[in-house]
Amino acid sequence: MVGKILSALIGAEVEKRRQESGLKGAVLGAAGFSLARRLGPIGLALGGAYAAKKMYDRRRAATA
């Protein structure tokens, strides 16, 4: 379940930077999660921390 959430966040970030929606974000999100899974718990923790930081930065920017 955590993997699906992380891959969705990675895919959404890719598509947000491209200003489009499509298959590329989904593929890169799945690939990013599979890479994090191969790194083990450390990879999952790093991926989750990165996604949390991005969400935190966006929330702070929206309130400023």
Protein backbone atom coordinates (compact mmCIF):
# COMPACT_ATOMS: atom_id res chain seq x y z
CA MET A 1 0.00 0.00 0.00
CA VAL A 2 2.83 2.40 0.84
CA GLY A 3 4.45 1.55 -2.48
CA LYS A 4 1.40 2.54 -4.46
CA ILE A 5 1.21 5.86 -2.63
CA LEU A 6 4.89 6.60 -3.19
CA SER A 7 4.74 5.68 -6.86
CA ALA A 8 1.69 7.91 -7.31
CA LEU A 9 3.48 10.83 -5.64
CA ILE A 10 6.55 10.35 -7.83
CA GLY A 11 4.41 10.18 -10.96
CA ALA A 12 2.45 13.27 -9.96
CA GLU A 13 5.67 15.21 -9.39
CA VAL A 14 6.98 14.28 -12.84
CA GLU A 15 3.75 15.32 -14.51
CA LYS A 16 3.54 18.55 -12.54
CA ARG A 17 6.97 19.57 -13.80
CA ARG A 18 5.99 18.75 -17.39
CA GLN A 19 2.65 20.60 -17.07
CA GLU A 20 0.93 17.67 -18.75
CA SER A 21 -0.67 14.40 -17.84
CA GLY A 22 0.11 11.10 -19.37
CA LEU A 23 1.79 7.78 -19.25
CA LYS A 24 5.31 9.04 -18.57
CA GLY A 25 4.56 9.97 -14.95
CA ALA A 26 2.98 6.60 -14.25
CA VAL A 27 5.90 4.69 -15.73
CA LEU A 28 8.53 6.78 -13.93
CA GLY A 29 6.60 6.53 -10.67
CA ALA A 30 6.50 2.75 -10.88
CA ALA A 31 10.18 2.60 -11.84
CA GLY A 32 11.10 4.92 -8.98
CA PHE A 33 9.26 2.78 -6.48
CA SER A 34 10.82 -0.43 -7.78
CA LEU A 35 14.25 1.16 -7.36
CA ALA A 36 13.39 2.25 -3.83
CA ARG A 37 12.11 -1.24 -3.02
CA ARG A 38 15.36 -2.81 -4.17
CA LEU A 39 17.24 -0.50 -1.82
CA GLY A 40 15.17 -1.93 1.01
CA PRO A 41 13.74 -0.04 3.96
CA ILE A 42 16.28 2.74 3.56
CA GLY A 43 15.08 3.43 0.02
CA LEU A 44 11.45 3.49 1.11
CA ALA A 45 12.26 5.85 3.97
CA LEU A 46 14.21 8.18 1.68
CA GLY A 47 11.42 8.20 -0.91
CA GLY A 48 8.79 8.88 1.71
CA ALA A 49 10.87 11.65 3.27
CA TYR A 50 11.36 13.29 -0.13
CA ALA A 51 7.64 13.19 -0.87
CA ALA A 52 6.79 14.57 2.59
CA LYS A 53 9.27 17.43 2.16
CA LYS A 54 7.79 18.34 -1.22
CA MET A 55 4.29 18.38 0.24
CA TYR A 56 5.47 20.51 3.20
CA ASP A 57 7.22 23.02 0.90
CA ARG A 58 4.14 23.37 -1.29
CA ARG A 59 1.89 23.95 1.70
CA ARG A 60 4.23 26.65 3.05
CA ALA A 61 4.40 28.31 -0.37
CA ALA A 62 0.61 28.32 -0.65
CA THR A 63 0.16 30.05 2.71
CA ALA A 64 2.89 32.65 2.05
